[in-house]
Amino acid sequence: MSHSTGVSPYHLAAVVLAGVYMLAIVKEWQILKYALKPTVTLLIAAPTSKPSSRRIFRGLLLSTLGDIFLMLPQEEMFLPGLLSFLAAHVLYAKEFGANAKSHGQNRRVSWAAVPYGVFASTMVAVLVPGAGNEGAVVQAGVVVYAVAIAVMAYRATLTSRSWAVLGTILFCVSDAILACDRFLQQHAWSELAVMSTYYAAQLCIALAYV
């Protein structure tokens, strides 16, 4: 699976600023983190703002909105952030499905259904009990989100775009770390791991469509 990519100045800027963001995490520069977190995602999104990749662009815009919700200190912002990313995954999945259909692969069942099914099942089994203190709405959201990201990642395997496959795998890793840190046990390294894999995931998905 391969797809030609171009190196955009926006993406180069995103990589540089993502590196600065990682430094801001280590140094605990909160104001700089607030400024950079959505900015990096918007820079990743910019080259996809063309008709042929409109779903990816909109998904990245929704991800930016999710970035903003999740960086706010209010606990009630978690659910809007979750829903923003859920909507982004739905758009990504639709785009991957359209790509698969154009190549006649949309009706094929790939071996990847097995590991992604295991991933979603494990996330639900582990995280739903841990989210008990968050209430039934959040628990339901965790279930829907786990299924959505697994479907999105699976659909990427039906396309001819290797960057998309890599990006969705990284997204699964990032979200798994984030969810475990929130609902199970916090670790000092979690934010760095979550954001590095998250930005890499979004960049890979965008590269599949430039």
C-alpha atoms as a PDB file:
ATOM      1  CA  MET A   1       0.000   0.000   0.000  1.00  0.00           C
ATOM      2  CA  SER A   2       1.511   3.276  -1.004  1.00  0.00           C
ATOM      3  CA  HIS A   3       0.489   6.765  -1.901  1.00  0.00           C
ATOM      4  CA  SER A   4       2.535   9.671  -3.134  1.00  0.00           C
ATOM      5  CA  THR A   5       2.912  12.496  -0.682  1.00  0.00           C
ATOM      6  CA  GLY A   6       4.102  16.055  -0.830  1.00  0.00           C
ATOM      7  CA  VAL A   7       5.933  17.919   1.892  1.00  0.00           C
ATOM      8  CA  SER A   8       3.965  21.022   2.731  1.00  0.00           C
ATOM      9  CA  PRO A   9       5.449  24.045   4.518  1.00  0.00           C
ATOM     10  CA  TYR A  10       2.445  23.791   6.833  1.00  0.00           C
ATOM     11  CA  HIS A  11       3.447  20.269   7.791  1.00  0.00           C
ATOM     12  CA  LEU A  12       7.051  21.260   8.317  1.00  0.00           C
ATOM     13  CA  ALA A  13       5.881  24.048  10.613  1.00  0.00           C
ATOM     14  CA  ALA A  14       3.613  21.578  12.413  1.00  0.00           C
ATOM     15  CA  VAL A  15       6.525  19.229  13.073  1.00  0.00           C
ATOM     16  CA  VAL A  16       8.664  22.044  14.453  1.00  0.00           C
ATOM     17  CA  LEU A  17       5.893  23.401  16.682  1.00  0.00           C
ATOM     18  CA  ALA A  18       4.978  19.901  17.828  1.00  0.00           C
ATOM     19  CA  GLY A  19       8.567  19.547  19.011  1.00  0.00           C
ATOM     20  CA  VAL A  20       8.249  22.843  20.884  1.00  0.00           C
ATOM     21  CA  TYR A  21       4.995  21.561  22.382  1.00  0.00           C
ATOM     22  CA  MET A  22       6.764  18.442  23.682  1.00  0.00           C
ATOM     23  CA  LEU A  23       9.344  20.697  25.310  1.00  0.00           C
ATOM     24  CA  ALA A  24       6.530  22.755  26.830  1.00  0.00           C
ATOM     25  CA  ILE A  25       5.112  19.563  28.361  1.00  0.00           C
ATOM     26  CA  VAL A  26       8.446  18.705  29.944  1.00  0.00           C
ATOM     27  CA  LYS A  27       9.013  22.267  31.165  1.00  0.00           C
ATOM     28  CA  GLU A  28       5.354  22.719  32.200  1.00  0.00           C
ATOM     29  CA  TRP A  29       4.921  25.897  30.160  1.00  0.00           C
ATOM     30  CA  GLN A  30       1.123  25.924  30.352  1.00  0.00           C
ATOM     31  CA  ILE A  31       0.417  29.110  28.385  1.00  0.00           C
ATOM     32  CA  LEU A  32       2.602  27.949  25.516  1.00  0.00           C
ATOM     33  CA  LYS A  33       0.865  24.569  25.564  1.00  0.00           C
ATOM     34  CA  TYR A  34      -2.539  26.245  25.300  1.00  0.00           C
ATOM     35  CA  ALA A  35      -1.337  28.285  22.333  1.00  0.00           C
ATOM     36  CA  LEU A  36       0.353  25.436  20.490  1.00  0.00           C
ATOM     37  CA  LYS A  37      -1.989  22.492  21.001  1.00  0.00           C
ATOM     38  CA  PRO A  38      -4.717  23.556  18.533  1.00  0.00           C
ATOM     39  CA  THR A  39      -2.265  25.440  16.328  1.00  0.00           C
ATOM     40  CA  VAL A  40      -0.322  22.302  15.435  1.00  0.00           C
ATOM     41  CA  THR A  41      -3.491  20.441  14.438  1.00  0.00           C
ATOM     42  CA  LEU A  42      -4.646  23.370  12.292  1.00  0.00           C
ATOM     43  CA  LEU A  43      -1.293  23.419  10.517  1.00  0.00           C
ATOM     44  CA  ILE A  44      -1.623  19.702   9.823  1.00  0.00           C
ATOM     45  CA  ALA A  45      -5.121  20.324   8.473  1.00  0.00           C
ATOM     46  CA  ALA A  46      -4.265  23.194   6.142  1.00  0.00           C
ATOM     47  CA  PRO A  47      -2.939  21.192   3.143  1.00  0.00           C
ATOM     48  CA  THR A  48      -6.039  18.962   3.177  1.00  0.00           C
ATOM     49  CA  SER A  49      -8.441  21.868   2.580  1.00  0.00           C
ATOM     50  CA  LYS A  50      -9.181  20.823  -0.982  1.00  0.00           C
ATOM     51  CA  PRO A  51     -12.355  19.228  -2.378  1.00  0.00           C
ATOM     52  CA  SER A  52     -10.786  15.779  -2.771  1.00  0.00           C
ATOM     53  CA  SER A  53      -9.978  15.547   0.950  1.00  0.00           C
ATOM     54  CA  ARG A  54     -12.817  17.556   2.477  1.00  0.00           C
ATOM     55  CA  ARG A  55     -13.767  14.842   4.987  1.00  0.00           C
ATOM     56  CA  ILE A  56     -10.196  14.636   6.257  1.00  0.00           C
ATOM     57  CA  PHE A  57     -10.052  18.425   6.536  1.00  0.00           C
ATOM     58  CA  ARG A  58     -13.312  18.559   8.460  1.00  0.00           C
ATOM     59  CA  GLY A  59     -12.143  15.731  10.685  1.00  0.00           C
ATOM     60  CA  LEU A  60      -9.003  17.673  11.508  1.00  0.00           C
ATOM     61  CA  LEU A  61     -11.063  20.772  12.275  1.00  0.00           C
ATOM     62  CA  LEU A  62     -13.206  18.711  14.646  1.00  0.00           C
ATOM     63  CA  SER A  63     -10.021  17.328  16.186  1.00  0.00           C
ATOM     64  CA  THR A  64      -8.842  20.892  16.758  1.00  0.00           C
ATOM     65  CA  LEU A  65     -12.108  21.587  18.551  1.00  0.00           C
ATOM     66  CA  GLY A  66     -11.539  18.450  20.609  1.00  0.00           C
ATOM     67  CA  ASP A  67      -8.026  19.657  21.433  1.00  0.00           C
ATOM     68  CA  ILE A  68      -9.470  22.859  22.825  1.00  0.00           C
ATOM     69  CA  PHE A  69     -12.135  21.094  24.895  1.00  0.00           C
ATOM     70  CA  LEU A  70      -9.691  18.594  26.375  1.00  0.00           C
ATOM     71  CA  MET A  71      -7.070  21.147  27.347  1.00  0.00           C
ATOM     72  CA  LEU A  72      -9.584  23.129  29.407  1.00  0.00           C
ATOM     73  CA  PRO A  73      -9.405  22.342  33.135  1.00  0.00           C
ATOM     74  CA  GLN A  74     -13.164  21.931  33.607  1.00  0.00           C
ATOM     75  CA  GLU A  75     -14.164  18.270  33.962  1.00  0.00           C
ATOM     76  CA  GLU A  76     -17.396  18.841  32.054  1.00  0.00           C
ATOM     77  CA  MET A  77     -15.342  19.590  28.932  1.00  0.00           C
ATOM     78  CA  PHE A  78     -14.258  15.947  28.611  1.00  0.00           C
ATOM     79  CA  LEU A  79     -17.505  14.760  27.031  1.00  0.00           C
ATOM     80  CA  PRO A  80     -17.616  17.509  24.348  1.00  0.00           C
ATOM     81  CA  GLY A  81     -13.991  16.676  23.583  1.00  0.00           C
ATOM     82  CA  LEU A  82     -14.831  12.988  23.280  1.00  0.00           C
ATOM     83  CA  LEU A  83     -17.759  13.749  20.974  1.00  0.00           C
ATOM     84  CA  SER A  84     -15.607  16.029  18.794  1.00  0.00           C
ATOM     85  CA  PHE A  85     -13.070  13.272  18.228  1.00  0.00           C
ATOM     86  CA  LEU A  86     -15.838  10.721  17.719  1.00  0.00           C
ATOM     87  CA  ALA A  87     -17.242  12.871  14.912  1.00  0.00           C
ATOM     88  CA  ALA A  88     -13.738  13.206  13.438  1.00  0.00           C
ATOM     89  CA  HIS A  89     -13.319   9.427  13.409  1.00  0.00           C
ATOM     90  CA  VAL A  90     -16.664   9.023  11.661  1.00  0.00           C
ATOM     91  CA  LEU A  91     -15.526  11.411   8.920  1.00  0.00           C
ATOM     92  CA  TYR A  92     -12.185   9.602   8.586  1.00  0.00           C
ATOM     93  CA  ALA A  93     -13.988   6.257   8.388  1.00  0.00           C
ATOM     94  CA  LYS A  94     -16.311   7.600   5.681  1.00  0.00           C
ATOM     95  CA  GLU A  95     -13.358   8.824   3.645  1.00  0.00           C
ATOM     96  CA  PHE A  96     -11.515   5.522   4.000  1.00  0.00           C
ATOM     97  CA  GLY A  97     -14.692   3.683   3.032  1.00  0.00           C
ATOM     98  CA  ALA A  98     -15.072   5.838  -0.074  1.00  0.00           C
ATOM     99  CA  ASN A  99     -11.464   5.112  -1.035  1.00  0.00           C
ATOM    100  CA  ALA A 100     -11.976   1.392  -0.531  1.00  0.00           C
ATOM    101  CA  LYS A 101     -15.139   1.473  -2.651  1.00  0.00           C
ATOM    102  CA  SER A 102     -13.327   3.230  -5.489  1.00  0.00           C
ATOM    103  CA  HIS A 103     -10.841   0.344  -5.536  1.00  0.00           C
ATOM    104  CA  GLY A 104     -13.517  -2.332  -5.217  1.00  0.00           C
ATOM    105  CA  GLN A 105     -12.323  -3.278  -1.735  1.00  0.00           C
ATOM    106  CA  ASN A 106     -15.319  -2.144   0.302  1.00  0.00           C
ATOM    107  CA  ARG A 107     -16.927  -5.600   0.385  1.00  0.00           C
ATOM    108  CA  ARG A 108     -13.715  -7.450   1.194  1.00  0.00           C
ATOM    109  CA  VAL A 109     -13.171  -8.672   4.753  1.00  0.00           C
ATOM    110  CA  SER A 110      -9.572  -8.078   5.807  1.00  0.00           C
ATOM    111  CA  TRP A 111      -7.549 -10.000   8.385  1.00  0.00           C
ATOM    112  CA  ALA A 112      -7.239  -6.658  10.201  1.00  0.00           C
ATOM    113  CA  ALA A 113     -10.800  -7.067  11.466  1.00  0.00           C
ATOM    114  CA  VAL A 114      -9.468  -9.505  14.069  1.00  0.00           C
ATOM    115  CA  PRO A 115      -6.857  -7.337  15.862  1.00  0.00           C
ATOM    116  CA  TYR A 116      -9.046  -4.244  15.717  1.00  0.00           C
ATOM    117  CA  GLY A 117     -11.972  -6.226  17.068  1.00  0.00           C
ATOM    118  CA  VAL A 118      -9.772  -7.429  19.915  1.00  0.00           C
ATOM    119  CA  PHE A 119      -8.589  -3.866  20.501  1.00  0.00           C
ATOM    120  CA  ALA A 120     -12.125  -2.489  20.784  1.00  0.00           C
ATOM    121  CA  SER A 121     -13.280  -5.348  23.001  1.00  0.00           C
ATOM    122  CA  THR A 122     -10.304  -4.954  25.317  1.00  0.00           C
ATOM    123  CA  MET A 123     -10.780  -1.192  25.567  1.00  0.00           C
ATOM    124  CA  VAL A 124     -14.432  -1.636  26.499  1.00  0.00           C
ATOM    125  CA  ALA A 125     -13.764  -4.413  29.012  1.00  0.00           C
ATOM    126  CA  VAL A 126     -10.969  -2.505  30.739  1.00  0.00           C
ATOM    127  CA  LEU A 127     -12.159   1.085  30.546  1.00  0.00           C
ATOM    128  CA  VAL A 128     -15.901   0.909  31.185  1.00  0.00           C
ATOM    129  CA  PRO A 129     -15.488  -0.296  34.792  1.00  0.00           C
ATOM    130  CA  GLY A 130     -12.757   2.310  35.302  1.00  0.00           C
ATOM    131  CA  ALA A 131     -15.086   5.030  34.035  1.00  0.00           C
ATOM    132  CA  GLY A 132     -17.721   4.127  36.614  1.00  0.00           C
ATOM    133  CA  ASN A 133     -17.160   7.327  38.565  1.00  0.00           C
ATOM    134  CA  GLU A 134     -17.772   9.393  35.423  1.00  0.00           C
ATOM    135  CA  GLY A 135     -21.393   8.253  35.058  1.00  0.00           C
ATOM    136  CA  ALA A 136     -23.369   6.197  32.569  1.00  0.00           C
ATOM    137  CA  VAL A 137     -23.160   8.781  29.781  1.00  0.00           C
ATOM    138  CA  VAL A 138     -19.367   8.751  29.765  1.00  0.00           C
ATOM    139  CA  GLN A 139     -19.316   4.941  30.015  1.00  0.00           C
ATOM    140  CA  ALA A 140     -21.592   4.726  26.977  1.00  0.00           C
ATOM    141  CA  GLY A 141     -19.386   7.238  25.200  1.00  0.00           C
ATOM    142  CA  VAL A 142     -16.335   5.076  25.870  1.00  0.00           C
ATOM    143  CA  VAL A 143     -18.048   2.076  24.280  1.00  0.00           C
ATOM    144  CA  VAL A 144     -19.150   4.005  21.190  1.00  0.00           C
ATOM    145  CA  TYR A 145     -15.752   5.671  20.854  1.00  0.00           C
ATOM    146  CA  ALA A 146     -13.842   2.381  21.126  1.00  0.00           C
ATOM    147  CA  VAL A 147     -15.981   0.837  18.395  1.00  0.00           C
ATOM    148  CA  ALA A 148     -15.718   3.937  16.196  1.00  0.00           C
ATOM    149  CA  ILE A 149     -11.927   4.181  16.319  1.00  0.00           C
ATOM    150  CA  ALA A 150     -11.588   0.450  15.651  1.00  0.00           C
ATOM    151  CA  VAL A 151     -13.897   0.682  12.623  1.00  0.00           C
ATOM    152  CA  MET A 152     -12.029   3.752  11.407  1.00  0.00           C
ATOM    153  CA  ALA A 153      -8.662   2.005  11.728  1.00  0.00           C
ATOM    154  CA  TYR A 154      -9.988  -1.150  10.062  1.00  0.00           C
ATOM    155  CA  ARG A 155     -11.367   0.811   7.114  1.00  0.00           C
ATOM    156  CA  ALA A 156      -7.953   2.385   6.593  1.00  0.00           C
ATOM    157  CA  THR A 157      -6.561  -1.104   5.876  1.00  0.00           C
ATOM    158  CA  LEU A 158      -8.959  -1.415   2.933  1.00  0.00           C
ATOM    159  CA  THR A 159      -7.472   1.629   1.208  1.00  0.00           C
ATOM    160  CA  SER A 160      -4.253   1.821  -0.787  1.00  0.00           C
ATOM    161  CA  ARG A 161      -2.864   4.502   1.522  1.00  0.00           C
ATOM    162  CA  SER A 162      -0.128   3.250   3.840  1.00  0.00           C
ATOM    163  CA  TRP A 163       0.127   6.616   5.622  1.00  0.00           C
ATOM    164  CA  ALA A 164      -3.529   6.291   6.598  1.00  0.00           C
ATOM    165  CA  VAL A 165      -2.950   2.801   7.998  1.00  0.00           C
ATOM    166  CA  LEU A 166       0.012   3.984  10.042  1.00  0.00           C
ATOM    167  CA  GLY A 167      -1.877   7.053  11.233  1.00  0.00           C
ATOM    168  CA  THR A 168      -4.862   5.077  12.465  1.00  0.00           C
ATOM    169  CA  ILE A 169      -2.629   2.624  14.321  1.00  0.00           C
ATOM    170  CA  LEU A 170      -0.919   5.539  16.058  1.00  0.00           C
ATOM    171  CA  PHE A 171      -4.337   7.009  16.874  1.00  0.00           C
ATOM    172  CA  CYS A 172      -5.330   3.758  18.579  1.00  0.00           C
ATOM    173  CA  VAL A 173      -2.118   3.829  20.615  1.00  0.00           C
ATOM    174  CA  SER A 174      -2.571   7.486  21.580  1.00  0.00           C
ATOM    175  CA  ASP A 175      -6.193   7.077  22.629  1.00  0.00           C
ATOM    176  CA  ALA A 176      -5.466   3.891  24.563  1.00  0.00           C
ATOM    177  CA  ILE A 177      -2.780   5.661  26.595  1.00  0.00           C
ATOM    178  CA  LEU A 178      -5.047   8.675  27.157  1.00  0.00           C
ATOM    179  CA  ALA A 179      -7.983   6.542  28.282  1.00  0.00           C
ATOM    180  CA  CYS A 180      -5.900   4.358  30.594  1.00  0.00           C
ATOM    181  CA  ASP A 181      -4.333   7.458  32.134  1.00  0.00           C
ATOM    182  CA  ARG A 182      -7.741   9.021  32.765  1.00  0.00           C
ATOM    183  CA  PHE A 183      -9.756   6.023  33.894  1.00  0.00           C
ATOM    184  CA  LEU A 184      -7.191   3.625  35.364  1.00  0.00           C
ATOM    185  CA  GLN A 185      -3.832   4.975  36.531  1.00  0.00           C
ATOM    186  CA  GLN A 186      -1.992   8.208  35.843  1.00  0.00           C
ATOM    187  CA  HIS A 187       1.657   8.284  34.837  1.00  0.00           C
ATOM    188  CA  ALA A 188       4.068  11.196  34.578  1.00  0.00           C
ATOM    189  CA  TRP A 189       5.007  10.237  31.016  1.00  0.00           C
ATOM    190  CA  SER A 190       1.458   9.858  29.712  1.00  0.00           C
ATOM    191  CA  GLU A 191       0.920  13.359  28.303  1.00  0.00           C
ATOM    192  CA  LEU A 192       4.157  13.231  26.337  1.00  0.00           C
ATOM    193  CA  ALA A 193       3.308   9.784  24.963  1.00  0.00           C
ATOM    194  CA  VAL A 194      -0.276  10.754  24.144  1.00  0.00           C
ATOM    195  CA  MET A 195       0.564  13.970  22.317  1.00  0.00           C
ATOM    196  CA  SER A 196       3.567  12.645  20.380  1.00  0.00           C
ATOM    197  CA  THR A 197       1.569   9.708  19.020  1.00  0.00           C
ATOM    198  CA  TYR A 198      -1.489  11.912  18.468  1.00  0.00           C
ATOM    199  CA  TYR A 199       0.327  14.481  16.338  1.00  0.00           C
ATOM    200  CA  ALA A 200       2.123  11.708  14.443  1.00  0.00           C
ATOM    201  CA  ALA A 201      -1.243  10.040  13.800  1.00  0.00           C
ATOM    202  CA  GLN A 202      -2.912  13.176  12.474  1.00  0.00           C
ATOM    203  CA  LEU A 203       0.095  14.015  10.322  1.00  0.00           C
ATOM    204  CA  CYS A 204       0.177  10.533   8.789  1.00  0.00           C
ATOM    205  CA  ILE A 205      -3.539  10.669   7.981  1.00  0.00           C
ATOM    206  CA  ALA A 206      -3.110  14.110   6.407  1.00  0.00           C
ATOM    207  CA  LEU A 207      -0.083  12.935   4.399  1.00  0.00           C
ATOM    208  CA  ALA A 208      -2.244  10.225   2.886  1.00  0.00           C
ATOM    209  CA  TYR A 209      -4.359  12.941   1.277  1.00  0.00           C
ATOM    210  CA  VAL A 210      -1.914  15.580   0.059  1.00  0.00           C
END
